[in-house]
Protein backbone atom coordinates (compact mmCIF):
# COMPACT_ATOMS: atom_id res chain seq x y z
CA MET A 1 20.63 -9.13 16.67
CA THR A 2 22.05 -12.31 15.15
CA ASP A 3 24.61 -12.29 12.34
CA ALA A 4 21.91 -13.51 9.93
CA GLU A 5 19.56 -10.71 11.02
CA SER A 6 22.36 -8.15 10.65
CA MET A 7 22.97 -9.37 7.10
CA THR A 8 19.24 -9.21 6.31
CA LEU A 9 19.05 -5.69 7.75
CA LYS A 10 22.06 -4.50 5.75
CA GLU A 11 20.68 -5.99 2.51
CA TRP A 12 17.26 -4.44 3.17
CA LEU A 13 18.78 -1.00 3.82
CA GLU A 14 20.84 -1.19 0.62
CA ALA A 15 17.80 -2.23 -1.44
CA GLU A 16 15.53 0.45 0.05
CA LEU A 17 18.17 3.17 -0.44
CA LYS A 18 18.70 2.10 -4.04
CA ALA A 19 14.92 2.08 -4.67
CA GLY A 20 14.61 5.60 -3.24
CA LYS A 21 12.23 4.49 -0.50
CA ILE A 22 14.46 5.61 2.39
CA ARG A 23 17.34 8.03 2.91
CA PRO A 24 19.85 8.81 5.66
CA SER A 25 18.31 11.01 8.35
CA LYS A 26 19.28 13.66 10.89
CA SER A 27 15.93 13.51 12.69
CA SER A 28 15.80 14.30 16.40
CA ILE A 29 13.43 11.37 16.95
CA SER A 30 13.63 7.74 15.89
CA SER A 31 12.01 4.35 16.27
CA PRO A 32 13.82 1.04 16.71
CA VAL A 33 13.88 -1.80 14.18
CA MET A 34 13.34 -5.40 15.15
CA PHE A 35 12.61 -8.80 13.67
CA VAL A 36 9.27 -10.50 14.32
CA PRO A 37 8.43 -14.14 13.56
CA LYS A 38 6.22 -15.00 10.58
CA LYS A 39 3.86 -17.98 10.41
CA ASP A 40 6.27 -19.87 8.17
CA GLY A 41 9.05 -19.62 10.77
CA SER A 42 11.05 -16.92 8.97
CA ARG A 43 11.50 -13.47 10.45
CA ARG A 44 10.29 -10.11 9.15
CA LEU A 45 12.08 -6.80 9.67
CA VAL A 46 9.76 -4.12 11.08
CA VAL A 47 10.07 -0.63 12.51
CA ASP A 48 8.46 -0.34 15.94
CA TYR A 49 6.46 2.88 15.60
CA ARG A 50 4.40 2.39 18.81
CA ARG A 51 5.80 5.47 20.59
CA LEU A 52 5.27 7.65 17.51
CA ASN A 53 1.79 6.22 16.98
CA ASN A 54 0.81 7.01 20.58
CA ARG A 55 1.59 10.68 19.92
CA THR A 56 0.02 10.85 16.45
CA LYS A 57 -3.34 12.51 15.81
CA LYS A 58 -5.42 9.72 14.31
CA ASN A 59 -6.86 9.85 10.79
CA VAL A 60 -10.44 8.67 11.27
CA TYR A 61 -11.17 7.98 7.59
CA PRO A 62 -13.18 4.74 7.75
CA LEU A 63 -12.09 1.41 6.38
CA PRO A 64 -14.92 -0.47 4.64
CA ARG A 65 -16.74 -3.09 6.66
CA PRO A 66 -16.47 -6.58 5.15
CA ASP A 67 -20.23 -7.18 5.39
CA ASP A 68 -20.90 -3.93 3.49
CA LEU A 69 -18.43 -4.94 0.79
CA MET A 70 -19.95 -8.40 0.43
CA SER A 71 -23.46 -6.98 0.09
CA LYS A 72 -22.38 -5.12 -3.07
CA LEU A 73 -21.67 -8.43 -4.81
CA GLN A 74 -25.32 -9.54 -4.99
CA GLY A 75 -26.07 -10.90 -8.47
CA ALA A 76 -22.44 -10.82 -9.63
CA LYS A 77 -21.17 -13.96 -11.34
CA ILE A 78 -17.68 -13.03 -12.59
CA PHE A 79 -14.86 -11.55 -10.49
CA THR A 80 -11.33 -10.27 -11.03
CA LYS A 81 -9.11 -9.44 -8.08
CA LEU A 82 -6.28 -6.93 -8.43
CA ASP A 83 -3.67 -6.99 -5.70
CA LEU A 84 -1.57 -3.83 -5.71
CA ARG A 85 2.00 -4.87 -5.16
CA TRP A 86 3.76 -2.99 -2.34
CA GLY A 87 0.60 -0.91 -1.82
CA TYR A 88 1.65 1.45 0.96
CA ASN A 89 5.25 1.64 -0.20
CA ASN A 90 4.24 3.32 -3.44
CA VAL A 91 2.70 6.38 -1.80
CA ARG A 92 5.04 9.27 -0.98
CA VAL A 93 5.19 10.61 2.58
CA LYS A 94 4.20 14.28 2.65
CA GLU A 95 7.27 16.35 1.89
CA GLY A 96 8.65 17.81 5.11
CA ASP A 97 7.22 15.02 7.28
CA GLU A 98 9.82 12.37 6.46
CA TRP A 99 11.78 13.08 9.67
CA LYS A 100 8.85 11.70 11.69
CA THR A 101 9.39 8.25 10.16
CA ALA A 102 13.05 8.04 11.23
CA PHE A 103 14.31 4.67 12.44
CA ARG A 104 17.61 3.71 14.00
CA THR A 105 19.76 0.74 13.11
CA LYS A 106 23.29 -0.37 13.89
CA TYR A 107 24.15 1.03 10.44
CA GLY A 108 22.79 4.51 11.09
CA LEU A 109 19.65 6.62 11.17
CA PHE A 110 17.26 6.54 8.20
CA GLU A 111 13.85 7.95 7.31
CA SER A 112 11.15 6.68 5.02
CA LEU A 113 10.13 8.57 1.90
CA VAL A 114 7.07 6.37 1.36
CA MET A 115 4.21 5.26 3.58
CA THR A 116 5.18 2.19 5.48
CA PHE A 117 3.56 -0.61 7.42
CA GLY A 118 3.31 0.19 11.11
CA LEU A 119 2.45 3.88 10.96
CA THR A 120 -0.97 4.34 12.58
CA ASN A 121 -2.49 6.47 9.80
CA THR A 122 -1.22 4.46 6.84
CA PRO A 123 -4.33 2.27 6.37
CA ALA A 124 -6.78 5.21 6.55
CA ALA A 125 -4.67 7.40 4.25
CA PHE A 126 -4.25 4.58 1.74
CA GLN A 127 -7.98 3.73 1.78
CA TYR A 128 -8.77 7.40 1.13
CA LEU A 129 -6.37 7.45 -1.82
CA MET A 130 -7.85 4.30 -3.32
CA ASN A 131 -11.43 5.50 -2.85
CA ASP A 132 -10.53 8.83 -4.43
CA LEU A 133 -8.88 7.16 -7.43
CA PHE A 134 -11.85 4.87 -8.05
CA GLN A 135 -14.68 7.10 -6.83
CA ASP A 136 -16.77 6.79 -10.02
CA LEU A 137 -16.52 2.98 -10.06
CA LEU A 138 -16.93 2.22 -6.35
CA ASP A 139 -19.96 0.08 -5.54
CA VAL A 140 -20.94 0.08 -9.24
CA TYR A 141 -18.58 -2.72 -10.27
CA VAL A 142 -15.58 -2.21 -8.00
CA ILE A 143 -15.05 -2.68 -4.27
CA ILE A 144 -11.79 -1.84 -2.55
CA TYR A 145 -10.24 -2.84 0.74
CA LEU A 146 -6.83 -1.19 1.13
CA ASP A 147 -4.63 -2.67 -1.64
CA ASP A 148 -7.19 -5.22 -2.87
CA ILE A 149 -9.52 -4.29 -5.72
CA LEU A 150 -12.36 -6.60 -6.67
CA ILE A 151 -14.08 -6.08 -10.02
CA PHE A 152 -17.47 -7.78 -10.22
CA SER A 153 -19.93 -8.25 -13.09
CA LYS A 154 -23.06 -10.15 -14.04
CA ASN A 155 -21.74 -11.51 -17.35
CA GLU A 156 -18.55 -11.87 -19.42
CA VAL A 157 -19.29 -8.98 -21.79
CA GLU A 158 -19.80 -6.55 -18.90
CA HIS A 159 -16.79 -7.96 -17.09
CA GLU A 160 -14.42 -7.43 -20.00
CA PHE A 161 -15.55 -3.80 -20.15
CA HIS A 162 -15.27 -3.35 -16.37
CA VAL A 163 -11.74 -4.78 -16.20
CA HIS A 164 -10.71 -2.64 -19.17
CA GLU A 165 -12.11 0.49 -17.48
CA VAL A 166 -10.22 -0.17 -14.25
CA LEU A 167 -6.96 -0.82 -16.09
CA GLN A 168 -7.48 2.21 -18.35
CA LEU A 169 -7.90 4.43 -15.32
CA SER A 170 -4.17 5.12 -15.50
CA SER A 171 -4.61 7.22 -18.64
CA LEU A 172 -7.29 9.53 -17.23
CA THR A 173 -6.36 13.12 -16.47
CA THR A 174 -7.86 12.99 -12.98
CA VAL A 175 -5.54 10.16 -12.05
CA GLU A 176 -2.51 11.85 -13.59
CA VAL A 177 -3.23 14.96 -11.53
CA VAL A 178 -3.21 12.86 -8.37
CA GLY A 179 0.06 11.42 -9.65
CA TYR A 180 -0.61 7.70 -9.48
CA ARG A 181 -1.32 5.00 -12.01
CA ILE A 182 -2.14 1.34 -11.93
CA ASN A 183 0.06 -0.93 -13.99
CA PRO A 184 -0.98 -4.49 -14.66
CA VAL A 185 1.98 -6.72 -13.88
CA ASP A 186 0.57 -10.17 -14.29
CA SER A 187 -2.67 -11.49 -15.66
CA ALA A 188 -4.22 -14.91 -15.42
CA GLN A 189 -7.77 -16.03 -16.02
CA GLY A 190 -9.82 -14.60 -13.19
CA ASN A 191 -6.79 -13.11 -11.45
CA ASP A 192 -4.96 -9.88 -12.29
CA ASN A 193 -2.23 -8.34 -10.22
CA GLY A 194 -1.31 -4.69 -10.40
CA LEU A 195 0.98 -2.04 -9.03
CA ILE A 196 0.19 1.49 -7.99
CA ASP A 197 3.06 3.81 -8.84
CA LYS A 198 3.96 7.42 -8.32
CA ASP A 199 4.34 9.02 -11.79
């Protein structure tokens, strides 16, 4: 690991600890961390969960097929896309299972308290959560693929109502029971960004 990578790792650990997304661990298993190249030439820190994933019972909850999602948009003329910031990282790992996510670094052993990229069941579990949160709106005027929500309507009047309904979802009892809410963070014409939080 280069000096620059060591500095990046140390800063990342400090930020994740401060945010409550990881904690020191005493797990009997662990996965290594490494840096992988990004398209722009920079490097991304990842945990290599391949060994853990090979031993994990797979969640077979289906991800939507792109052609099925696109077919729902027939006749729609107005669209708003919500991108949930840090999607996976806002969903708590089941209490008692954190030790399974342990990763080792030159600065010690840590475990994740939130779902993280690289765990084999993260996409299926997250898709289930999103479908559950939006079950009454799915395929009516909302389609969801992981952390992307697309609201679609035939006209502006409908669309204003549809966007309002999706954003108001955070105040519904059913969502509060699940323990998550969607917070709009940024809004521009035709493009809204949001965040899914644990209450």
